Structures are given as C-alpha cells and as structure tokens.
Amino acid sequence: MLLGKKRKIGRKIDEISVGEKLEISEKIEDKDLLLYLGLSNDNNPLFIQHDYASLTPYKKPIVPQIMLLGLITGAISKYLPGPGSCITHQEVSFLNPVYHYATVQFKFEVTDVDHEGHCVEINVEGFDEEENKVLQGTFKVCPPYPTKPLTATTAFENF
C-alpha cells in the first residue's frame, strides 16, 4: 500500500544548480508498447501494424510520442528533481521517429533555477542508437516543497 509508506522526497529548489546533468537510457520493449497501448486505448496503425507502416515514409512501426514523454516525465519524477516534483509546462519537438526495440538515451540539463517562482527549467534531448537526435524539449518543473510535520506542535500554543 502506498499511502502508509513514507517516501523519500526529491531535492528542494535550494539544492539544485544550473548546469546539473542527468543521462538515462531506456530500451523500448514489446511489453512497454503493449502497456502504453492498452492504457491509452491508442490503436494508431502507425504504432502497431507493420503492413500499414511499411507503406509510409517510416517503413516500420514507430514508438508513440506520448510514450517517450512518459519516459522523460518519469525520470524527472524519479531523479531530477525527484519525488514530489511537478511539471508545470513543457515544449517538445519530435525530430525523428523512434522504432520498436530501440534504445533511447535521454540527456537532461538544468538551465535555470528560479528561487522566487519556485521553478527549475530542464532541457532534454533524446538520441537513438545511431546518435540521431529524436527529440528536444524544455520542461518547467516545480521541485518538492519542504514538508511540514503531520503532528502540529503549535496546535495549542495559546494555552
């Protein structure tokens, strides 16, 4: 059960610096594609039908772009800034297709830390095995806020 477990919170805004980098690699497997397609109910033939995709400029099925976004947002939630963070804005361009069974390397870099607005800006680039850039984007992320204790020690301070 997730509710009763105490989870580690990611890094707060004062613990993040411009220039920080993160790199992750993700291999796109059949199970990942099937989970995404089942969850989203997206039956675009470009994603799943070899006969249709072979008639397009792509020549074979491609990985859904939203699935790639899910890998990026998952990395933001897990690592940079980490658990408790919230994406407030994103701009992403998909430059080249990603094919089934590809390994995608994502490179993240913190490009701005706005203490007053409690927001960090993270640029992301994705590359396939041949080092073709497949996507680039910018994400504005609200890092986790400092937590307050569940038991208020000041509940009866006027007694």
N, C-alpha and C. Protein backbone atom coordinates (compact mmCIF):
# COMPACT_ATOMS: atom_id res chain seq x y z
N MET A 1 0.84 -1.18 0.00
CA MET A 1 0.00 0.00 0.00
C MET A 1 0.89 1.25 0.00
N LEU A 2 0.60 2.17 -0.86
CA LEU A 2 1.42 3.37 -1.00
C LEU A 2 1.12 4.42 0.05
N LEU A 3 -0.12 4.48 0.53
CA LEU A 3 -0.49 5.57 1.43
C LEU A 3 0.25 5.51 2.76
N GLY A 4 0.44 4.33 3.32
CA GLY A 4 1.05 4.23 4.63
C GLY A 4 2.56 4.31 4.62
N LYS A 5 3.17 4.17 3.45
CA LYS A 5 4.62 4.17 3.36
C LYS A 5 5.17 5.57 3.25
N LYS A 6 6.23 5.82 3.99
CA LYS A 6 6.90 7.11 3.90
C LYS A 6 7.87 7.06 2.72
N ARG A 7 7.75 7.99 1.83
CA ARG A 7 8.59 8.05 0.64
C ARG A 7 9.60 9.18 0.77
N LYS A 8 10.78 8.92 0.22
CA LYS A 8 11.81 9.97 0.20
C LYS A 8 11.40 11.04 -0.80
N ILE A 9 11.54 12.28 -0.41
CA ILE A 9 11.21 13.41 -1.27
C ILE A 9 12.47 13.82 -2.03
N GLY A 10 12.27 14.30 -3.25
CA GLY A 10 13.39 14.74 -4.09
C GLY A 10 14.05 15.99 -3.54
N ARG A 11 14.94 16.53 -4.34
CA ARG A 11 15.72 17.68 -3.89
C ARG A 11 14.91 18.97 -3.97
N LYS A 12 15.09 19.78 -2.95
CA LYS A 12 14.41 21.08 -2.88
C LYS A 12 15.12 22.07 -3.80
N ILE A 13 14.47 23.18 -4.06
CA ILE A 13 15.00 24.15 -5.03
C ILE A 13 16.38 24.68 -4.65
N ASP A 14 16.64 24.84 -3.35
CA ASP A 14 17.94 25.37 -2.94
C ASP A 14 19.06 24.32 -3.03
N GLU A 15 18.71 23.09 -3.41
CA GLU A 15 19.70 22.03 -3.58
C GLU A 15 20.00 21.74 -5.06
N ILE A 16 19.43 22.55 -5.96
CA ILE A 16 19.57 22.34 -7.39
C ILE A 16 20.35 23.50 -8.00
N SER A 17 21.27 23.20 -8.93
CA SER A 17 22.11 24.23 -9.55
C SER A 17 22.02 24.17 -11.06
N VAL A 18 22.15 25.35 -11.68
CA VAL A 18 22.25 25.42 -13.14
C VAL A 18 23.46 24.61 -13.58
N GLY A 19 23.30 23.85 -14.64
CA GLY A 19 24.39 23.05 -15.18
C GLY A 19 24.36 21.60 -14.75
N GLU A 20 23.52 21.25 -13.77
CA GLU A 20 23.42 19.84 -13.38
C GLU A 20 22.92 19.02 -14.55
N LYS A 21 23.45 17.80 -14.67
CA LYS A 21 23.10 16.94 -15.79
C LYS A 21 22.69 15.56 -15.31
N LEU A 22 21.89 14.91 -16.13
CA LEU A 22 21.46 13.54 -15.88
C LEU A 22 21.35 12.86 -17.23
N GLU A 23 21.81 11.62 -17.32
CA GLU A 23 21.65 10.83 -18.54
C GLU A 23 21.03 9.49 -18.16
N ILE A 24 20.02 9.09 -18.91
CA ILE A 24 19.42 7.77 -18.72
C ILE A 24 19.21 7.12 -20.09
N SER A 25 19.22 5.81 -20.11
CA SER A 25 18.93 5.06 -21.33
C SER A 25 17.72 4.17 -21.07
N GLU A 26 16.85 4.09 -22.05
CA GLU A 26 15.66 3.25 -21.95
C GLU A 26 15.54 2.42 -23.22
N LYS A 27 15.40 1.11 -23.06
CA LYS A 27 15.17 0.23 -24.20
C LYS A 27 13.66 0.04 -24.33
N ILE A 28 13.14 0.23 -25.53
CA ILE A 28 11.71 0.11 -25.78
C ILE A 28 11.40 -1.35 -26.13
N GLU A 29 10.72 -2.03 -25.24
CA GLU A 29 10.38 -3.45 -25.40
C GLU A 29 8.91 -3.60 -25.77
N ASP A 30 8.55 -4.80 -26.26
CA ASP A 30 7.15 -5.09 -26.59
C ASP A 30 6.23 -4.86 -25.40
N LYS A 31 6.65 -5.30 -24.22
CA LYS A 31 5.79 -5.15 -23.03
C LYS A 31 5.48 -3.69 -22.75
N ASP A 32 6.45 -2.80 -22.96
CA ASP A 32 6.25 -1.37 -22.74
C ASP A 32 5.22 -0.81 -23.72
N LEU A 33 5.37 -1.18 -24.99
CA LEU A 33 4.44 -0.72 -26.02
C LEU A 33 3.03 -1.24 -25.75
N LEU A 34 2.92 -2.51 -25.38
CA LEU A 34 1.60 -3.09 -25.11
C LEU A 34 0.94 -2.43 -23.90
N LEU A 35 1.72 -2.16 -22.87
CA LEU A 35 1.16 -1.48 -21.69
C LEU A 35 0.66 -0.09 -22.06
N TYR A 36 1.47 0.66 -22.80
CA TYR A 36 1.06 2.00 -23.22
C TYR A 36 -0.21 1.93 -24.07
N LEU A 37 -0.21 1.07 -25.09
CA LEU A 37 -1.34 1.00 -26.00
C LEU A 37 -2.60 0.55 -25.27
N GLY A 38 -2.46 -0.37 -24.32
CA GLY A 38 -3.62 -0.81 -23.53
C GLY A 38 -4.14 0.28 -22.63
N LEU A 39 -3.25 1.00 -22.00
CA LEU A 39 -3.65 2.08 -21.09
C LEU A 39 -4.28 3.24 -21.83
N SER A 40 -3.71 3.61 -22.96
CA SER A 40 -4.17 4.81 -23.67
C SER A 40 -5.32 4.51 -24.64
N ASN A 41 -5.52 3.22 -24.95
CA ASN A 41 -6.53 2.82 -25.94
C ASN A 41 -6.22 3.45 -27.30
N ASP A 42 -4.95 3.66 -27.57
CA ASP A 42 -4.49 4.27 -28.81
C ASP A 42 -4.16 3.15 -29.80
N ASN A 43 -4.98 3.01 -30.83
CA ASN A 43 -4.74 1.94 -31.79
C ASN A 43 -4.30 2.49 -33.16
N ASN A 44 -3.50 3.53 -33.13
CA ASN A 44 -2.96 4.12 -34.34
C ASN A 44 -2.18 3.04 -35.10
N PRO A 45 -2.54 2.77 -36.35
CA PRO A 45 -1.83 1.70 -37.08
C PRO A 45 -0.34 2.00 -37.29
N LEU A 46 0.05 3.26 -37.23
CA LEU A 46 1.46 3.60 -37.37
C LEU A 46 2.28 3.06 -36.20
N PHE A 47 1.62 2.83 -35.07
CA PHE A 47 2.30 2.32 -33.89
C PHE A 47 2.36 0.80 -33.83
N ILE A 48 1.42 0.11 -34.50
CA ILE A 48 1.30 -1.33 -34.26
C ILE A 48 1.20 -2.21 -35.51
N GLN A 49 0.91 -1.66 -36.66
CA GLN A 49 0.68 -2.50 -37.84
C GLN A 49 1.85 -2.38 -38.82
N HIS A 50 2.60 -3.47 -38.93
CA HIS A 50 3.75 -3.49 -39.83
C HIS A 50 3.34 -3.27 -41.28
N ASP A 51 2.22 -3.87 -41.71
CA ASP A 51 1.80 -3.73 -43.11
C ASP A 51 1.45 -2.28 -43.43
N TYR A 52 0.76 -1.60 -42.52
CA TYR A 52 0.44 -0.19 -42.76
C TYR A 52 1.71 0.67 -42.73
N ALA A 53 2.51 0.50 -41.68
CA ALA A 53 3.71 1.33 -41.50
C ALA A 53 4.68 1.17 -42.67
N SER A 54 4.71 -0.03 -43.28
CA SER A 54 5.63 -0.25 -44.41
C SER A 54 5.26 0.59 -45.63
N LEU A 55 4.03 1.08 -45.67
CA LEU A 55 3.58 1.91 -46.79
C LEU A 55 3.80 3.40 -46.54
N THR A 56 4.34 3.74 -45.39
CA THR A 56 4.58 5.14 -45.02
C THR A 56 6.07 5.47 -45.15
N PRO A 57 6.42 6.72 -45.07
CA PRO A 57 7.86 7.08 -45.10
C PRO A 57 8.65 6.48 -43.92
N TYR A 58 7.95 6.07 -42.85
CA TYR A 58 8.63 5.50 -41.68
C TYR A 58 9.10 4.07 -41.93
N LYS A 59 8.44 3.35 -42.82
CA LYS A 59 8.77 1.98 -43.25
C LYS A 59 8.47 0.89 -42.21
N LYS A 60 8.38 1.25 -40.94
CA LYS A 60 8.04 0.27 -39.90
C LYS A 60 7.39 1.00 -38.73
N PRO A 61 6.72 0.26 -37.84
CA PRO A 61 6.02 0.92 -36.72
C PRO A 61 6.96 1.75 -35.85
N ILE A 62 6.41 2.86 -35.36
CA ILE A 62 7.19 3.75 -34.50
C ILE A 62 6.64 3.74 -33.09
N VAL A 63 7.45 4.22 -32.18
CA VAL A 63 7.06 4.33 -30.77
C VAL A 63 6.19 5.58 -30.62
N PRO A 64 5.04 5.47 -29.93
CA PRO A 64 4.20 6.65 -29.72
C PRO A 64 4.97 7.77 -29.00
N GLN A 65 4.78 8.98 -29.49
CA GLN A 65 5.50 10.12 -28.93
C GLN A 65 5.15 10.34 -27.46
N ILE A 66 3.90 10.13 -27.11
CA ILE A 66 3.50 10.33 -25.71
C ILE A 66 4.19 9.31 -24.80
N MET A 67 4.48 8.14 -25.32
CA MET A 67 5.22 7.15 -24.53
C MET A 67 6.63 7.66 -24.23
N LEU A 68 7.25 8.32 -25.21
CA LEU A 68 8.57 8.91 -24.97
C LEU A 68 8.48 10.01 -23.91
N LEU A 69 7.42 10.81 -23.97
CA LEU A 69 7.22 11.84 -22.94
C LEU A 69 7.08 11.21 -21.57
N GLY A 70 6.41 10.07 -21.51
CA GLY A 70 6.26 9.37 -20.23
C GLY A 70 7.59 8.96 -19.64
N LEU A 71 8.53 8.55 -20.49
CA LEU A 71 9.86 8.18 -20.01
C LEU A 71 10.58 9.41 -19.45
N ILE A 72 10.40 10.55 -20.11
CA ILE A 72 11.03 11.80 -19.64
C ILE A 72 10.42 12.24 -18.32
N THR A 73 9.09 12.29 -18.25
CA THR A 73 8.46 12.75 -17.02
C THR A 73 8.74 11.79 -15.87
N GLY A 74 8.87 10.50 -16.18
CA GLY A 74 9.24 9.53 -15.15
C GLY A 74 10.63 9.82 -14.59
N ALA A 75 11.56 10.17 -15.46
CA ALA A 75 12.92 10.48 -14.99
C ALA A 75 12.93 11.75 -14.14
N ILE A 76 12.14 12.74 -14.53
CA ILE A 76 12.03 13.96 -13.73
C ILE A 76 11.46 13.63 -12.36
N SER A 77 10.43 12.80 -12.32
CA SER A 77 9.80 12.42 -11.05
C SER A 77 10.70 11.55 -10.18
N LYS A 78 11.55 10.75 -10.80
CA LYS A 78 12.41 9.84 -10.04
C LYS A 78 13.74 10.47 -9.63
N TYR A 79 14.32 11.32 -10.52
CA TYR A 79 15.70 11.73 -10.32
C TYR A 79 15.95 13.22 -10.23
N LEU A 80 15.37 14.00 -11.12
CA LEU A 80 15.77 15.41 -11.22
C LEU A 80 14.55 16.30 -11.42
N PRO A 81 14.01 16.92 -10.42
CA PRO A 81 14.44 16.99 -9.03
C PRO A 81 14.08 15.76 -8.19
N GLY A 82 13.13 14.94 -8.65
CA GLY A 82 12.81 13.71 -7.93
C GLY A 82 11.41 13.73 -7.35
N PRO A 83 11.12 12.75 -6.48
CA PRO A 83 9.77 12.59 -5.93
C PRO A 83 9.24 13.86 -5.26
N GLY A 84 8.01 14.18 -5.57
CA GLY A 84 7.37 15.37 -5.02
C GLY A 84 7.39 16.54 -5.99
N SER A 85 8.08 16.40 -7.13
CA SER A 85 8.15 17.48 -8.10
C SER A 85 6.93 17.44 -9.02
N CYS A 86 6.68 18.56 -9.69
CA CYS A 86 5.51 18.68 -10.56
C CYS A 86 5.89 19.47 -11.81
N ILE A 87 5.62 18.88 -12.97
CA ILE A 87 5.88 19.57 -14.23
C ILE A 87 4.75 20.57 -14.47
N THR A 88 5.11 21.83 -14.71
CA THR A 88 4.10 22.86 -14.91
C THR A 88 3.99 23.32 -16.36
N HIS A 89 5.02 23.04 -17.16
CA HIS A 89 5.00 23.44 -18.57
C HIS A 89 5.99 22.59 -19.33
N GLN A 90 5.64 22.28 -20.59
CA GLN A 90 6.58 21.54 -21.43
C GLN A 90 6.43 21.96 -22.88
N GLU A 91 7.55 21.99 -23.57
CA GLU A 91 7.59 22.22 -25.02
C GLU A 91 8.53 21.18 -25.58
N VAL A 92 8.01 20.34 -26.48
CA VAL A 92 8.81 19.24 -27.00
C VAL A 92 8.63 19.16 -28.51
N SER A 93 9.74 18.95 -29.21
CA SER A 93 9.72 18.68 -30.65
C SER A 93 10.22 17.26 -30.87
N PHE A 94 9.50 16.52 -31.70
CA PHE A 94 9.89 15.16 -32.06
C PHE A 94 10.55 15.24 -33.44
N LEU A 95 11.86 15.08 -33.48
CA LEU A 95 12.64 15.37 -34.67
C LEU A 95 12.78 14.18 -35.61
N ASN A 96 12.85 12.99 -35.06
CA ASN A 96 12.99 11.77 -35.84
C ASN A 96 12.21 10.66 -35.14
N PRO A 97 11.74 9.67 -35.91
CA PRO A 97 10.98 8.59 -35.28
C PRO A 97 11.88 7.70 -34.43
N VAL A 98 11.25 7.08 -33.44
CA VAL A 98 11.90 6.05 -32.64
C VAL A 98 11.19 4.75 -32.98
N TYR A 99 11.95 3.74 -33.31
CA TYR A 99 11.37 2.47 -33.72
C TYR A 99 11.32 1.48 -32.56
N HIS A 100 10.44 0.50 -32.70
CA HIS A 100 10.32 -0.55 -31.70
C HIS A 100 11.70 -1.18 -31.46
N TYR A 101 11.96 -1.55 -30.23
CA TYR A 101 13.20 -2.20 -29.77
C TYR A 101 14.40 -1.26 -29.74
N ALA A 102 14.19 0.01 -29.96
CA ALA A 102 15.29 0.97 -29.90
C ALA A 102 15.70 1.22 -28.45
N THR A 103 16.93 1.66 -28.30
CA THR A 103 17.39 2.18 -27.01
C THR A 103 17.55 3.67 -27.18
N VAL A 104 16.87 4.42 -26.32
CA VAL A 104 16.91 5.88 -26.40
C VAL A 104 17.71 6.40 -25.21
N GLN A 105 18.64 7.29 -25.50
CA GLN A 105 19.40 7.94 -24.44
C GLN A 105 18.86 9.36 -24.27
N PHE A 106 18.46 9.67 -23.05
CA PHE A 106 17.94 10.99 -22.73
C PHE A 106 18.99 11.76 -21.94
N LYS A 107 19.23 13.01 -22.35
CA LYS A 107 20.18 13.88 -21.66
C LYS A 107 19.42 15.08 -21.10
N PHE A 108 19.48 15.24 -19.80
CA PHE A 108 18.79 16.31 -19.09
C PHE A 108 19.83 17.31 -18.59
N GLU A 109 19.47 18.60 -18.64
CA GLU A 109 20.35 19.62 -18.07
C GLU A 109 19.51 20.74 -17.47
N VAL A 110 19.82 21.09 -16.22
CA VAL A 110 19.15 22.22 -15.57
C VAL A 110 19.71 23.49 -16.17
N THR A 111 18.84 24.33 -16.76
CA THR A 111 19.30 25.55 -17.42
C THR A 111 18.89 26.82 -16.67
N ASP A 112 17.99 26.70 -15.70
CA ASP A 112 17.59 27.87 -14.92
C ASP A 112 17.01 27.41 -13.60
N VAL A 113 17.31 28.16 -12.55
CA VAL A 113 16.73 27.93 -11.22
C VAL A 113 16.13 29.26 -10.78
N ASP A 114 14.81 29.29 -10.68
CA ASP A 114 14.08 30.50 -10.28
C ASP A 114 13.58 30.30 -8.85
N HIS A 115 14.37 30.78 -7.89
CA HIS A 115 14.02 30.61 -6.47
C HIS A 115 12.72 31.32 -6.13
N GLU A 116 12.55 32.53 -6.65
CA GLU A 116 11.34 33.31 -6.35
C GLU A 116 10.08 32.63 -6.88
N GLY A 117 10.15 32.10 -8.08
CA GLY A 117 9.00 31.42 -8.68
C GLY A 117 8.91 29.94 -8.34
N HIS A 118 9.86 29.45 -7.56
CA HIS A 118 9.95 28.04 -7.15
C HIS A 118 9.84 27.11 -8.36
N CYS A 119 10.75 27.33 -9.32
CA CYS A 119 10.69 26.58 -10.57
C CYS A 119 12.10 26.38 -11.13
N VAL A 120 12.33 25.22 -11.71
CA VAL A 120 13.57 24.98 -12.44
C VAL A 120 13.22 24.67 -13.88
N GLU A 121 14.13 25.02 -14.78
CA GLU A 121 13.94 24.71 -16.19
C GLU A 121 14.95 23.63 -16.56
N ILE A 122 14.45 22.59 -17.22
CA ILE A 122 15.29 21.46 -17.60
C ILE A 122 15.17 21.26 -19.11
N ASN A 123 16.30 21.28 -19.79
CA ASN A 123 16.33 20.95 -21.22
C ASN A 123 16.59 19.47 -21.35
N VAL A 124 15.91 18.85 -22.33
CA VAL A 124 16.05 17.42 -22.55
C VAL A 124 16.30 17.17 -24.03
N GLU A 125 17.24 16.29 -24.32
CA GLU A 125 17.48 15.81 -25.67
C GLU A 125 17.45 14.29 -25.64
N GLY A 126 16.90 13.70 -26.70
CA GLY A 126 16.86 12.26 -26.81
C GLY A 126 17.57 11.81 -28.08
N PHE A 127 18.33 10.72 -27.98
CA PHE A 127 19.10 10.20 -29.11
C PHE A 127 18.87 8.70 -29.24
N ASP A 128 18.81 8.22 -30.49
CA ASP A 128 18.71 6.78 -30.72
C ASP A 128 20.11 6.16 -30.75
N GLU A 129 20.18 4.85 -31.05
CA GLU A 129 21.47 4.15 -31.03
C GLU A 129 22.46 4.70 -32.04
N GLU A 130 21.96 5.25 -33.14
CA GLU A 130 22.85 5.83 -34.16
C GLU A 130 23.20 7.29 -33.85
N GLU A 131 22.83 7.74 -32.66
CA GLU A 131 23.08 9.10 -32.19
C GLU A 131 22.32 10.16 -32.99
N ASN A 132 21.22 9.74 -33.63
CA ASN A 132 20.31 10.72 -34.25
C ASN A 132 19.49 11.35 -33.14
N LYS A 133 19.37 12.67 -33.19
CA LYS A 133 18.54 13.35 -32.19
C LYS A 133 17.08 13.08 -32.54
N VAL A 134 16.35 12.47 -31.62
CA VAL A 134 14.95 12.11 -31.88
C VAL A 134 13.97 13.10 -31.24
N LEU A 135 14.43 13.82 -30.21
CA LEU A 135 13.56 14.82 -29.61
C LEU A 135 14.38 15.84 -28.85
N GLN A 136 13.77 17.00 -28.66
CA GLN A 136 14.35 18.02 -27.78
C GLN A 136 13.19 18.75 -27.13
N GLY A 137 13.43 19.15 -25.90
CA GLY A 137 12.36 19.82 -25.20
C GLY A 137 12.84 20.60 -24.00
N THR A 138 11.93 21.40 -23.49
CA THR A 138 12.17 22.20 -22.30
C THR A 138 11.01 21.96 -21.34
N PHE A 139 11.35 21.70 -20.08
CA PHE A 139 10.35 21.43 -19.06
C PHE A 139 10.54 22.39 -17.91
N LYS A 140 9.46 23.00 -17.47
CA LYS A 140 9.48 23.80 -16.25
C LYS A 140 8.92 22.91 -15.15
N VAL A 141 9.69 22.81 -14.08
CA VAL A 141 9.37 21.86 -13.02
C VAL A 141 9.39 22.56 -11.67
N CYS A 142 8.35 22.33 -10.90
CA CYS A 142 8.28 22.81 -9.52
C CYS A 142 8.88 21.72 -8.63
N PRO A 143 10.05 21.96 -8.05
CA PRO A 143 10.65 20.95 -7.16
C PRO A 143 9.79 20.75 -5.92
N PRO A 144 10.01 19.67 -5.20
CA PRO A 144 9.21 19.43 -3.99
C PRO A 144 9.40 20.56 -2.97
N TYR A 145 8.32 20.86 -2.30
CA TYR A 145 8.37 21.85 -1.22
C TYR A 145 8.83 21.16 0.06
N PRO A 146 9.44 21.91 0.96
CA PRO A 146 9.79 21.32 2.27
C PRO A 146 8.51 20.81 2.94
N THR A 147 8.62 19.65 3.54
CA THR A 147 7.45 19.06 4.19
C THR A 147 7.30 19.60 5.60
N LYS A 148 6.07 19.60 6.05
CA LYS A 148 5.77 20.01 7.43
C LYS A 148 5.36 18.76 8.19
N PRO A 149 5.67 18.70 9.47
CA PRO A 149 5.29 17.51 10.25
C PRO A 149 3.78 17.35 10.28
N LEU A 150 3.34 16.08 10.31
CA LEU A 150 1.91 15.79 10.38
C LEU A 150 1.31 16.17 11.72
N THR A 151 2.12 16.09 12.76
CA THR A 151 1.63 16.47 14.10
C THR A 151 2.04 17.90 14.36
N ALA A 152 1.04 18.76 14.51
CA ALA A 152 1.33 20.18 14.73
C ALA A 152 1.76 20.39 16.17
N THR A 153 2.96 20.91 16.34
CA THR A 153 3.46 21.17 17.69
C THR A 153 2.95 22.50 18.22
N THR A 154 2.33 23.29 17.33
CA THR A 154 1.84 24.60 17.76
C THR A 154 0.33 24.65 17.85
N ALA A 155 -0.32 23.51 17.89
CA ALA A 155 -1.78 23.46 17.87
C ALA A 155 -2.40 24.18 19.07
N PHE A 156 -1.78 24.08 20.23
CA PHE A 156 -2.35 24.68 21.42
C PHE A 156 -1.40 25.71 22.02
N GLU A 157 -0.80 26.53 21.20
CA GLU A 157 0.23 27.40 21.74
C GLU A 157 -0.35 28.54 22.60
N ASN A 158 -1.64 28.83 22.53
CA ASN A 158 -2.18 29.90 23.38
C ASN A 158 -2.75 29.36 24.69
N PHE A 159 -2.47 28.12 25.04
CA PHE A 159 -2.94 27.57 26.31
C PHE A 159 -1.85 27.55 27.34
